Each structure stands twice: as structure tokens, then as C-alpha cells.
Amino acid sequence: MTAELANALKAQCAEQRERSLYSATTLLIWLRMLRKVRIAFVVLPIIFGAVAGWDLLKGGGAYATVTAILALVAGLVPAVYAALKLDEHLPTAARLAGEYKNLEILFADLEKVGPLKPFEDFETEYRTARDRLEAANSESYTAPEWCFRAAQKKIKGGHYAFGEDDINTGVKARGGTA
């Protein structure tokens, strides 16, 4: 009976490892996008403001219109960024991406080593990891759907397969299919 319980718990570890992998990858993709957007929202107003103040464009006619548009955009971009409050997402996305990645590693270790331990120790370690997973899930922080689709593509493409072939996805460690 203990062997059956250990095998069932091992299967749960595999399932939680995979869920953590998808969550971590999705959030890492979202985090990269947030960082790129932040850079764009900081750099673009500087560039537009500099071009708008360029003496070469101070002439009349169409240049005056271009200068006015560039100056307007340079002033609006920071306001739009502040209104979107994207900076508030960065720490949460970074923290949860790291936590899910750590949980992925923890569940993978438990999947491989846990069944070799006394069942009570294995179960205790699993419950501790599961409590951490529940705490991370309780925040209900979600990245956009396109981030999940991109994560699926990366994972199924073999980007996260190391060493042995991944039995669950049929992906070889070097990115080919098994």
C-alpha cells in the first residue's frame, strides 16, 4: 500500500512540476514584455522631445506640425504609462515567476527522490511544497493569454528540456521530437 501511495504522490509531483513550469514560463514572458514596455515608455519621450526641439525642424509649414506632434507625444507617453500603472506589475510578476520556477525545481526533485524516502517524509515535503504553491496561486495574478500561448510554444519546442527526453511531451532534450 505504501508503494502505491508513493507512486500516486510521485504522479502528483509530476503534475505540479508541469503546472509550475507553465506558470513560471508564462510569467517570465510577461515580465520580459513589461520590462521592454517600460524601456520604450522611458526612451521614446526622450527621443521625441529631443527631435521636437531640434533646430533643423524649427522651420515653418509641415515641420511645425511634425514638431508639435513629437512634442505632444513626448508629453503624453509618460502620462499614459503612469495611467496604465505597469510598474506596479513588475515586482509581482518577478516574485511569482521566481516562486513558480523554484516550485518547478522542488517538485521535480520530489518526483525523483521522494519515492526513495520513507513515505511520511516524502508526504511532509510534498505538503510543504504544496502549501507554497497554494500561497502563490492565492494571489490570482495572471499574465495575458498570449503569454501562456508563447509559453506553450517554448515548452513544446523543447526550450526547457534538459538531459533526458521529456516523457510527457515527447520532446527530445535538444529540441527535436521523440
N, C-alpha and C. Protein backbone atom coordinates (compact mmCIF):
# COMPACT_ATOMS: atom_id res chain seq x y z
N MET A 1 0.82 -1.20 0.00
CA MET A 1 0.00 0.00 0.00
C MET A 1 0.86 1.26 0.00
N THR A 2 1.96 1.25 0.75
CA THR A 2 2.83 2.42 0.80
C THR A 2 3.45 2.70 -0.56
N ALA A 3 3.79 1.64 -1.31
CA ALA A 3 4.37 1.83 -2.64
C ALA A 3 3.34 2.48 -3.57
N GLU A 4 2.08 2.08 -3.45
CA GLU A 4 1.02 2.69 -4.26
C GLU A 4 0.86 4.16 -3.90
N LEU A 5 0.88 4.46 -2.60
CA LEU A 5 0.77 5.86 -2.18
C LEU A 5 1.95 6.68 -2.68
N ALA A 6 3.14 6.11 -2.60
CA ALA A 6 4.33 6.81 -3.06
C ALA A 6 4.25 7.07 -4.57
N ASN A 7 3.75 6.10 -5.32
CA ASN A 7 3.60 6.29 -6.77
C ASN A 7 2.55 7.34 -7.09
N ALA A 8 1.47 7.35 -6.32
CA ALA A 8 0.43 8.36 -6.53
C ALA A 8 0.97 9.75 -6.21
N LEU A 9 1.74 9.86 -5.13
CA LEU A 9 2.33 11.15 -4.75
C LEU A 9 3.38 11.58 -5.77
N LYS A 10 4.10 10.62 -6.31
CA LYS A 10 5.08 10.92 -7.36
C LYS A 10 4.36 11.49 -8.59
N ALA A 11 3.23 10.90 -8.95
CA ALA A 11 2.44 11.39 -10.09
C ALA A 11 1.95 12.82 -9.82
N GLN A 12 1.54 13.10 -8.58
CA GLN A 12 1.11 14.45 -8.23
C GLN A 12 2.28 15.43 -8.34
N CYS A 13 3.46 15.00 -7.94
CA CYS A 13 4.64 15.86 -8.06
C CYS A 13 4.90 16.20 -9.53
N ALA A 14 4.77 15.19 -10.40
CA ALA A 14 4.98 15.42 -11.83
C ALA A 14 3.97 16.42 -12.37
N GLU A 15 2.72 16.29 -11.94
CA GLU A 15 1.67 17.20 -12.38
C GLU A 15 1.93 18.62 -11.89
N GLN A 16 2.30 18.75 -10.62
CA GLN A 16 2.57 20.08 -10.06
C GLN A 16 3.83 20.69 -10.67
N ARG A 17 4.81 19.85 -11.00
CA ARG A 17 6.02 20.35 -11.67
C ARG A 17 5.66 20.95 -13.01
N GLU A 18 4.83 20.24 -13.77
CA GLU A 18 4.44 20.74 -15.08
C GLU A 18 3.63 22.03 -14.97
N ARG A 19 2.71 22.09 -14.03
CA ARG A 19 1.92 23.32 -13.83
C ARG A 19 2.83 24.48 -13.46
N SER A 20 3.78 24.21 -12.58
CA SER A 20 4.71 25.26 -12.16
C SER A 20 5.58 25.72 -13.32
N LEU A 21 5.98 24.78 -14.18
CA LEU A 21 6.76 25.12 -15.37
C LEU A 21 5.98 26.08 -16.27
N TYR A 22 4.73 25.77 -16.53
CA TYR A 22 3.91 26.62 -17.38
C TYR A 22 3.67 27.99 -16.74
N SER A 23 3.39 28.00 -15.44
CA SER A 23 3.17 29.27 -14.75
C SER A 23 4.43 30.13 -14.76
N ALA A 24 5.56 29.52 -14.45
CA ALA A 24 6.82 30.27 -14.42
C ALA A 24 7.16 30.81 -15.80
N THR A 25 7.05 29.99 -16.81
CA THR A 25 7.39 30.41 -18.17
C THR A 25 6.46 31.52 -18.64
N THR A 26 5.17 31.38 -18.38
CA THR A 26 4.21 32.42 -18.75
C THR A 26 4.56 33.74 -18.09
N LEU A 27 4.85 33.70 -16.79
CA LEU A 27 5.16 34.93 -16.07
C LEU A 27 6.50 35.51 -16.48
N LEU A 28 7.47 34.67 -16.83
CA LEU A 28 8.76 35.18 -17.30
C LEU A 28 8.60 35.90 -18.64
N ILE A 29 7.76 35.37 -19.51
CA ILE A 29 7.50 36.03 -20.79
C ILE A 29 6.80 37.37 -20.55
N TRP A 30 5.82 37.40 -19.65
CA TRP A 30 5.13 38.64 -19.31
C TRP A 30 6.09 39.64 -18.68
N LEU A 31 6.98 39.17 -17.82
CA LEU A 31 7.95 40.04 -17.17
C LEU A 31 8.89 40.67 -18.20
N ARG A 32 9.35 39.88 -19.16
CA ARG A 32 10.20 40.43 -20.23
C ARG A 32 9.47 41.53 -20.99
N MET A 33 8.19 41.29 -21.29
CA MET A 33 7.41 42.29 -22.03
C MET A 33 7.24 43.55 -21.19
N LEU A 34 6.95 43.41 -19.91
CA LEU A 34 6.79 44.58 -19.05
C LEU A 34 8.08 45.40 -19.01
N ARG A 35 9.20 44.73 -18.95
CA ARG A 35 10.49 45.44 -18.92
C ARG A 35 10.75 46.17 -20.23
N LYS A 36 10.42 45.54 -21.35
CA LYS A 36 10.60 46.19 -22.65
C LYS A 36 9.67 47.39 -22.79
N VAL A 37 8.44 47.24 -22.35
CA VAL A 37 7.48 48.35 -22.42
C VAL A 37 7.96 49.51 -21.56
N ARG A 38 8.47 49.20 -20.37
CA ARG A 38 8.99 50.26 -19.50
C ARG A 38 10.13 51.01 -20.18
N ILE A 39 11.05 50.28 -20.81
CA ILE A 39 12.16 50.92 -21.51
C ILE A 39 11.63 51.81 -22.64
N ALA A 40 10.68 51.30 -23.40
CA ALA A 40 10.12 52.07 -24.50
C ALA A 40 9.44 53.35 -23.98
N PHE A 41 8.69 53.23 -22.89
CA PHE A 41 7.99 54.39 -22.35
C PHE A 41 8.94 55.41 -21.73
N VAL A 42 10.14 54.99 -21.38
CA VAL A 42 11.14 55.93 -20.86
C VAL A 42 11.94 56.55 -22.00
N VAL A 43 12.33 55.75 -22.97
CA VAL A 43 13.21 56.21 -24.04
C VAL A 43 12.47 57.04 -25.10
N LEU A 44 11.28 56.61 -25.49
CA LEU A 44 10.55 57.32 -26.56
C LEU A 44 10.29 58.80 -26.26
N PRO A 45 9.85 59.16 -25.07
CA PRO A 45 9.64 60.60 -24.82
C PRO A 45 10.94 61.39 -24.91
N ILE A 46 12.04 60.79 -24.50
CA ILE A 46 13.33 61.47 -24.60
C ILE A 46 13.67 61.72 -26.06
N ILE A 47 13.51 60.70 -26.88
CA ILE A 47 13.82 60.82 -28.32
C ILE A 47 12.88 61.83 -28.99
N PHE A 48 11.57 61.68 -28.75
CA PHE A 48 10.61 62.59 -29.37
C PHE A 48 10.83 64.02 -28.91
N GLY A 49 11.11 64.21 -27.64
CA GLY A 49 11.37 65.55 -27.12
C GLY A 49 12.62 66.16 -27.74
N ALA A 50 13.65 65.34 -27.89
CA ALA A 50 14.90 65.83 -28.49
C ALA A 50 14.70 66.21 -29.96
N VAL A 51 13.98 65.37 -30.69
CA VAL A 51 13.74 65.66 -32.11
C VAL A 51 12.84 66.89 -32.24
N ALA A 52 11.83 67.01 -31.36
CA ALA A 52 10.93 68.17 -31.42
C ALA A 52 11.68 69.47 -31.14
N GLY A 53 12.72 69.41 -30.32
CA GLY A 53 13.49 70.61 -30.01
C GLY A 53 14.65 70.86 -30.95
N TRP A 54 14.78 70.05 -31.95
CA TRP A 54 15.89 70.16 -32.90
C TRP A 54 15.69 71.40 -33.76
N ASP A 55 16.72 72.22 -33.86
CA ASP A 55 16.64 73.47 -34.62
C ASP A 55 16.33 73.24 -36.10
N LEU A 56 16.75 72.12 -36.62
CA LEU A 56 16.51 71.83 -38.04
C LEU A 56 15.01 71.76 -38.35
N LEU A 57 14.21 71.36 -37.37
CA LEU A 57 12.76 71.25 -37.59
C LEU A 57 12.01 72.52 -37.19
N LYS A 58 12.72 73.57 -36.84
CA LYS A 58 12.07 74.79 -36.38
C LYS A 58 11.52 75.64 -37.52
N GLY A 59 11.70 75.17 -38.75
CA GLY A 59 11.18 75.92 -39.89
C GLY A 59 9.66 75.92 -39.90
N GLY A 60 9.07 76.47 -40.88
CA GLY A 60 7.61 76.58 -40.94
C GLY A 60 6.98 75.39 -41.64
N GLY A 61 5.72 75.49 -41.89
CA GLY A 61 4.95 74.52 -42.67
C GLY A 61 4.84 73.17 -42.00
N ALA A 62 5.14 72.13 -42.77
CA ALA A 62 4.99 70.75 -42.31
C ALA A 62 5.90 70.45 -41.12
N TYR A 63 7.05 71.09 -41.08
CA TYR A 63 7.97 70.86 -39.96
C TYR A 63 7.37 71.32 -38.63
N ALA A 64 6.63 72.38 -38.67
CA ALA A 64 5.98 72.88 -37.45
C ALA A 64 4.96 71.86 -36.95
N THR A 65 4.25 71.24 -37.87
CA THR A 65 3.27 70.22 -37.50
C THR A 65 3.97 69.00 -36.91
N VAL A 66 5.04 68.55 -37.55
CA VAL A 66 5.81 67.40 -37.05
C VAL A 66 6.37 67.71 -35.67
N THR A 67 6.92 68.89 -35.49
CA THR A 67 7.47 69.30 -34.20
C THR A 67 6.39 69.29 -33.13
N ALA A 68 5.22 69.82 -33.45
CA ALA A 68 4.12 69.86 -32.49
C ALA A 68 3.67 68.45 -32.11
N ILE A 69 3.57 67.57 -33.10
CA ILE A 69 3.15 66.18 -32.84
C ILE A 69 4.18 65.47 -31.97
N LEU A 70 5.45 65.63 -32.29
CA LEU A 70 6.51 64.99 -31.50
C LEU A 70 6.50 65.51 -30.06
N ALA A 71 6.32 66.79 -29.89
CA ALA A 71 6.27 67.37 -28.55
C ALA A 71 5.05 66.85 -27.78
N LEU A 72 3.92 66.75 -28.47
CA LEU A 72 2.71 66.22 -27.84
C LEU A 72 2.91 64.77 -27.39
N VAL A 73 3.44 63.95 -28.28
CA VAL A 73 3.69 62.54 -27.95
C VAL A 73 4.69 62.43 -26.80
N ALA A 74 5.74 63.25 -26.83
CA ALA A 74 6.74 63.23 -25.76
C ALA A 74 6.11 63.56 -24.41
N GLY A 75 5.10 64.39 -24.41
CA GLY A 75 4.42 64.73 -23.16
C GLY A 75 3.37 63.71 -22.76
N LEU A 76 2.73 63.09 -23.73
CA LEU A 76 1.66 62.13 -23.44
C LEU A 76 2.16 60.76 -23.00
N VAL A 77 3.25 60.31 -23.58
CA VAL A 77 3.73 58.95 -23.30
C VAL A 77 3.94 58.71 -21.81
N PRO A 78 4.62 59.58 -21.07
CA PRO A 78 4.77 59.33 -19.63
C PRO A 78 3.43 59.31 -18.88
N ALA A 79 2.51 60.15 -19.31
CA ALA A 79 1.19 60.17 -18.66
C ALA A 79 0.43 58.87 -18.91
N VAL A 80 0.51 58.37 -20.13
CA VAL A 80 -0.15 57.10 -20.46
C VAL A 80 0.48 55.96 -19.65
N TYR A 81 1.79 55.95 -19.57
CA TYR A 81 2.49 54.90 -18.81
C TYR A 81 2.09 54.96 -17.33
N ALA A 82 2.02 56.14 -16.78
CA ALA A 82 1.61 56.29 -15.38
C ALA A 82 0.17 55.82 -15.18
N ALA A 83 -0.70 56.13 -16.13
CA ALA A 83 -2.10 55.74 -16.02
C ALA A 83 -2.27 54.21 -16.11
N LEU A 84 -1.44 53.56 -16.91
CA LEU A 84 -1.52 52.10 -17.05
C LEU A 84 -1.00 51.37 -15.81
N LYS A 85 -0.18 52.05 -15.02
CA LYS A 85 0.39 51.50 -13.79
C LYS A 85 1.12 50.18 -14.02
N LEU A 86 1.84 50.09 -15.13
CA LEU A 86 2.57 48.87 -15.44
C LEU A 86 3.72 48.62 -14.49
N ASP A 87 4.28 49.68 -13.91
CA ASP A 87 5.37 49.50 -12.95
C ASP A 87 4.92 48.68 -11.74
N GLU A 88 3.65 48.76 -11.41
CA GLU A 88 3.14 48.01 -10.27
C GLU A 88 3.15 46.50 -10.53
N HIS A 89 3.14 46.10 -11.78
CA HIS A 89 3.14 44.67 -12.12
C HIS A 89 4.53 44.05 -12.04
N LEU A 90 5.56 44.85 -12.22
CA LEU A 90 6.92 44.30 -12.28
C LEU A 90 7.32 43.51 -11.04
N PRO A 91 7.20 44.04 -9.82
CA PRO A 91 7.64 43.26 -8.66
C PRO A 91 6.82 41.99 -8.45
N THR A 92 5.52 42.07 -8.69
CA THR A 92 4.67 40.88 -8.50
C THR A 92 5.01 39.81 -9.52
N ALA A 93 5.14 40.20 -10.78
CA ALA A 93 5.48 39.24 -11.83
C ALA A 93 6.84 38.61 -11.57
N ALA A 94 7.81 39.41 -11.16
CA ALA A 94 9.16 38.90 -10.89
C ALA A 94 9.15 37.92 -9.72
N ARG A 95 8.48 38.29 -8.64
CA ARG A 95 8.44 37.44 -7.46
C ARG A 95 7.74 36.12 -7.74
N LEU A 96 6.58 36.18 -8.40
CA LEU A 96 5.83 34.95 -8.68
C LEU A 96 6.51 34.08 -9.73
N ALA A 97 7.14 34.69 -10.72
CA ALA A 97 7.88 33.90 -11.72
C ALA A 97 9.00 33.12 -11.02
N GLY A 98 9.70 33.79 -10.11
CA GLY A 98 10.76 33.11 -9.35
C GLY A 98 10.21 32.02 -8.45
N GLU A 99 9.09 32.28 -7.80
CA GLU A 99 8.50 31.28 -6.90
C GLU A 99 8.03 30.06 -7.69
N TYR A 100 7.36 30.27 -8.82
CA TYR A 100 6.91 29.13 -9.62
C TYR A 100 8.10 28.35 -10.19
N LYS A 101 9.17 29.04 -10.58
CA LYS A 101 10.36 28.34 -11.08
C LYS A 101 10.97 27.51 -9.95
N ASN A 102 11.05 28.07 -8.74
CA ASN A 102 11.58 27.32 -7.60
C ASN A 102 10.69 26.12 -7.28
N LEU A 103 9.39 26.30 -7.37
CA LEU A 103 8.47 25.18 -7.13
C LEU A 103 8.61 24.10 -8.20
N GLU A 104 8.83 24.52 -9.43
CA GLU A 104 9.06 23.54 -10.50
C GLU A 104 10.26 22.66 -10.15
N ILE A 105 11.34 23.27 -9.72
CA ILE A 105 12.55 22.54 -9.35
C ILE A 105 12.27 21.65 -8.14
N LEU A 106 11.57 22.19 -7.17
CA LEU A 106 11.26 21.43 -5.95
C LEU A 106 10.40 20.21 -6.26
N PHE A 107 9.36 20.39 -7.05
CA PHE A 107 8.50 19.26 -7.41
C PHE A 107 9.26 18.23 -8.27
N ALA A 108 10.16 18.69 -9.13
CA ALA A 108 10.96 17.75 -9.92
C ALA A 108 11.86 16.92 -9.00
N ASP A 109 12.48 17.58 -8.02
CA ASP A 109 13.32 16.85 -7.06
C ASP A 109 12.48 15.85 -6.27
N LEU A 110 11.32 16.29 -5.81
CA LEU A 110 10.44 15.39 -5.05
C LEU A 110 9.98 14.22 -5.91
N GLU A 111 9.71 14.47 -7.17
CA GLU A 111 9.27 13.42 -8.09
C GLU A 111 10.32 12.33 -8.21
N LYS A 112 11.59 12.74 -8.28
CA LYS A 112 12.67 11.77 -8.48
C LYS A 112 13.16 11.13 -7.18
N VAL A 113 13.29 11.94 -6.12
CA VAL A 113 13.91 11.46 -4.89
C VAL A 113 12.89 11.05 -3.83
N GLY A 114 11.74 11.69 -3.83
CA GLY A 114 10.74 11.44 -2.81
C GLY A 114 10.37 9.98 -2.61
N PRO A 115 10.11 9.23 -3.70
CA PRO A 115 9.72 7.83 -3.52
C PRO A 115 10.82 6.97 -2.88
N LEU A 116 12.04 7.46 -2.85
CA LEU A 116 13.14 6.70 -2.25
C LEU A 116 13.22 6.91 -0.74
N LYS A 117 12.48 7.87 -0.23
CA LYS A 117 12.47 8.20 1.20
C LYS A 117 11.31 7.46 1.88
N PRO A 118 11.33 7.43 3.21
CA PRO A 118 10.14 6.93 3.90
C PRO A 118 8.92 7.76 3.50
N PHE A 119 7.79 7.10 3.34
CA PHE A 119 6.61 7.78 2.81
C PHE A 119 6.23 9.00 3.64
N GLU A 120 6.33 8.91 4.94
CA GLU A 120 5.95 10.04 5.81
C GLU A 120 6.80 11.28 5.49
N ASP A 121 8.11 11.09 5.27
CA ASP A 121 9.00 12.21 4.92
C ASP A 121 8.64 12.78 3.55
N PHE A 122 8.39 11.87 2.61
CA PHE A 122 8.00 12.28 1.26
C PHE A 122 6.72 13.10 1.31
N GLU A 123 5.73 12.62 2.05
CA GLU A 123 4.45 13.30 2.15
C GLU A 123 4.59 14.67 2.83
N THR A 124 5.41 14.76 3.86
CA THR A 124 5.64 16.02 4.55
C THR A 124 6.27 17.05 3.62
N GLU A 125 7.28 16.62 2.87
CA GLU A 125 7.93 17.54 1.92
C GLU A 125 6.96 17.97 0.82
N TYR A 126 6.15 17.02 0.35
CA TYR A 126 5.15 17.36 -0.67
C TYR A 126 4.16 18.39 -0.14
N ARG A 127 3.67 18.18 1.08
CA ARG A 127 2.69 19.11 1.66
C ARG A 127 3.30 20.51 1.84
N THR A 128 4.57 20.58 2.21
CA THR A 128 5.24 21.87 2.35
C THR A 128 5.32 22.59 0.99
N ALA A 129 5.70 21.83 -0.03
CA ALA A 129 5.77 22.41 -1.38
C ALA A 129 4.37 22.80 -1.86
N ARG A 130 3.40 21.97 -1.56
CA ARG A 130 2.02 22.24 -1.98
C ARG A 130 1.49 23.51 -1.29
N ASP A 131 1.85 23.72 -0.02
CA ASP A 131 1.45 24.94 0.69
C ASP A 131 2.04 26.18 0.01
N ARG A 132 3.30 26.07 -0.42
CA ARG A 132 3.92 27.19 -1.14
C ARG A 132 3.20 27.45 -2.45
N LEU A 133 2.83 26.38 -3.14
CA LEU A 133 2.11 26.52 -4.41
C LEU A 133 0.75 27.18 -4.17
N GLU A 134 0.06 26.77 -3.14
CA GLU A 134 -1.23 27.37 -2.83
C GLU A 134 -1.09 28.85 -2.49
N ALA A 135 -0.01 29.21 -1.78
CA ALA A 135 0.23 30.62 -1.46
C ALA A 135 0.47 31.43 -2.73
N ALA A 136 1.24 30.88 -3.65
CA ALA A 136 1.50 31.58 -4.92
C ALA A 136 0.21 31.70 -5.73
N ASN A 137 -0.57 30.63 -5.77
CA ASN A 137 -1.83 30.64 -6.52
C ASN A 137 -2.86 31.59 -5.91
N SER A 138 -2.79 31.79 -4.59
CA SER A 138 -3.79 32.61 -3.92
C SER A 138 -3.74 34.06 -4.36
N GLU A 139 -2.63 34.49 -4.94
CA GLU A 139 -2.55 35.87 -5.42
C GLU A 139 -3.37 36.08 -6.69
N SER A 140 -3.70 35.02 -7.37
CA SER A 140 -4.51 35.09 -8.60
C SER A 140 -3.96 36.09 -9.61
N TYR A 141 -2.65 36.20 -9.67
CA TYR A 141 -2.02 37.11 -10.64
C TYR A 141 -1.96 36.38 -11.98
N THR A 142 -2.48 36.99 -13.02
CA THR A 142 -2.49 36.35 -14.32
C THR A 142 -1.83 37.24 -15.36
N ALA A 143 -1.06 36.62 -16.20
CA ALA A 143 -0.47 37.30 -17.35
C ALA A 143 -1.47 37.21 -18.50
N PRO A 144 -1.30 38.02 -19.53
CA PRO A 144 -2.21 37.94 -20.68
C PRO A 144 -2.15 36.55 -21.35
N GLU A 145 -3.24 36.20 -21.99
CA GLU A 145 -3.37 34.88 -22.62
C GLU A 145 -2.26 34.63 -23.65
N TRP A 146 -1.84 35.65 -24.37
CA TRP A 146 -0.81 35.46 -25.39
C TRP A 146 0.50 35.00 -24.74
N CYS A 147 0.75 35.37 -23.50
CA CYS A 147 1.96 34.92 -22.80
C CYS A 147 1.90 33.42 -22.55
N PHE A 148 0.72 32.92 -22.19
CA PHE A 148 0.56 31.48 -21.98
C PHE A 148 0.76 30.72 -23.29
N ARG A 149 0.21 31.23 -24.38
CA ARG A 149 0.39 30.56 -25.67
C ARG A 149 1.88 30.56 -26.07
N ALA A 150 2.57 31.66 -25.80
CA ALA A 150 4.01 31.72 -26.10
C ALA A 150 4.78 30.74 -25.21
N ALA A 151 4.35 30.60 -23.97
CA ALA A 151 5.00 29.64 -23.05
C ALA A 151 4.79 28.22 -23.55
N GLN A 152 3.57 27.91 -23.96
CA GLN A 152 3.29 26.58 -24.51
C GLN A 152 4.21 26.28 -25.69
N LYS A 153 4.34 27.24 -26.57
CA LYS A 153 5.17 27.06 -27.76
C LYS A 153 6.63 26.81 -27.37
N LYS A 154 7.14 27.58 -26.41
CA LYS A 154 8.53 27.41 -25.97
C LYS A 154 8.74 26.04 -25.32
N ILE A 155 7.83 25.66 -24.45
CA ILE A 155 7.98 24.40 -23.74
C ILE A 155 7.87 23.23 -24.70
N LYS A 156 6.86 23.26 -25.56
CA LYS A 156 6.68 22.15 -26.52
C LYS A 156 7.78 22.14 -27.57
N GLY A 157 8.43 23.28 -27.78
CA GLY A 157 9.54 23.36 -28.72
C GLY A 157 10.85 22.83 -28.14
N GLY A 158 10.82 22.45 -26.86
CA GLY A 158 12.00 21.86 -26.25
C GLY A 158 12.94 22.85 -25.59
N HIS A 159 12.53 24.09 -25.43
CA HIS A 159 13.40 25.10 -24.83
C HIS A 159 13.76 24.80 -23.38
N TYR A 160 12.91 24.01 -22.70
CA TYR A 160 13.14 23.73 -21.29
C TYR A 160 13.44 22.26 -21.03
N ALA A 161 13.76 21.51 -22.06
CA ALA A 161 14.09 20.10 -21.90
C ALA A 161 15.60 19.96 -21.73
N PHE A 162 15.99 19.36 -20.63
CA PHE A 162 17.42 19.17 -20.34
C PHE A 162 17.66 17.70 -20.07
N GLY A 163 18.78 17.21 -20.56
CA GLY A 163 19.15 15.82 -20.24
C GLY A 163 18.30 14.84 -21.00
N GLU A 164 17.49 14.09 -20.26
CA GLU A 164 16.68 13.02 -20.85
C GLU A 164 15.54 13.60 -21.68
N ASP A 165 14.95 12.72 -22.52
CA ASP A 165 13.76 13.12 -23.25
C ASP A 165 12.63 13.36 -22.26
N ASP A 166 11.79 14.33 -22.54
CA ASP A 166 10.65 14.60 -21.69
C ASP A 166 9.55 13.61 -22.06
N ILE A 167 9.26 12.71 -21.16
CA ILE A 167 8.29 11.65 -21.41
C ILE A 167 6.90 12.22 -21.65
N ASN A 168 6.56 13.28 -20.94
CA ASN A 168 5.20 13.83 -21.02
C ASN A 168 4.90 14.51 -22.35
N THR A 169 5.88 15.21 -22.92
CA THR A 169 5.60 15.97 -24.14
C THR A 169 6.16 15.32 -25.39
N GLY A 170 7.02 14.30 -25.24
CA GLY A 170 7.60 13.66 -26.40
C GLY A 170 8.68 14.50 -27.06
N VAL A 171 9.23 15.46 -26.32
CA VAL A 171 10.24 16.36 -26.88
C VAL A 171 11.61 15.90 -26.44
N LYS A 172 12.51 15.78 -27.39
CA LYS A 172 13.88 15.42 -27.06
C LYS A 172 14.59 16.60 -26.44
N ALA A 173 15.63 16.32 -25.66
CA ALA A 173 16.35 17.36 -24.94
C ALA A 173 16.95 18.42 -25.87
N ARG A 174 17.26 18.09 -27.06
CA ARG A 174 17.87 19.05 -27.99
C ARG A 174 16.85 19.75 -28.87
N GLY A 175 15.58 19.62 -28.57
CA GLY A 175 14.58 20.39 -29.30
C GLY A 175 13.86 19.59 -30.38
N GLY A 176 14.31 18.38 -30.72
CA GLY A 176 13.60 17.57 -31.70
C GLY A 176 12.44 16.85 -31.06
N THR A 177 11.68 16.10 -31.85
CA THR A 177 10.60 15.33 -31.26
C THR A 177 11.02 13.87 -31.14
N ALA A 178 10.51 13.25 -30.10
CA ALA A 178 10.88 11.85 -29.83
C ALA A 178 10.12 10.91 -30.73
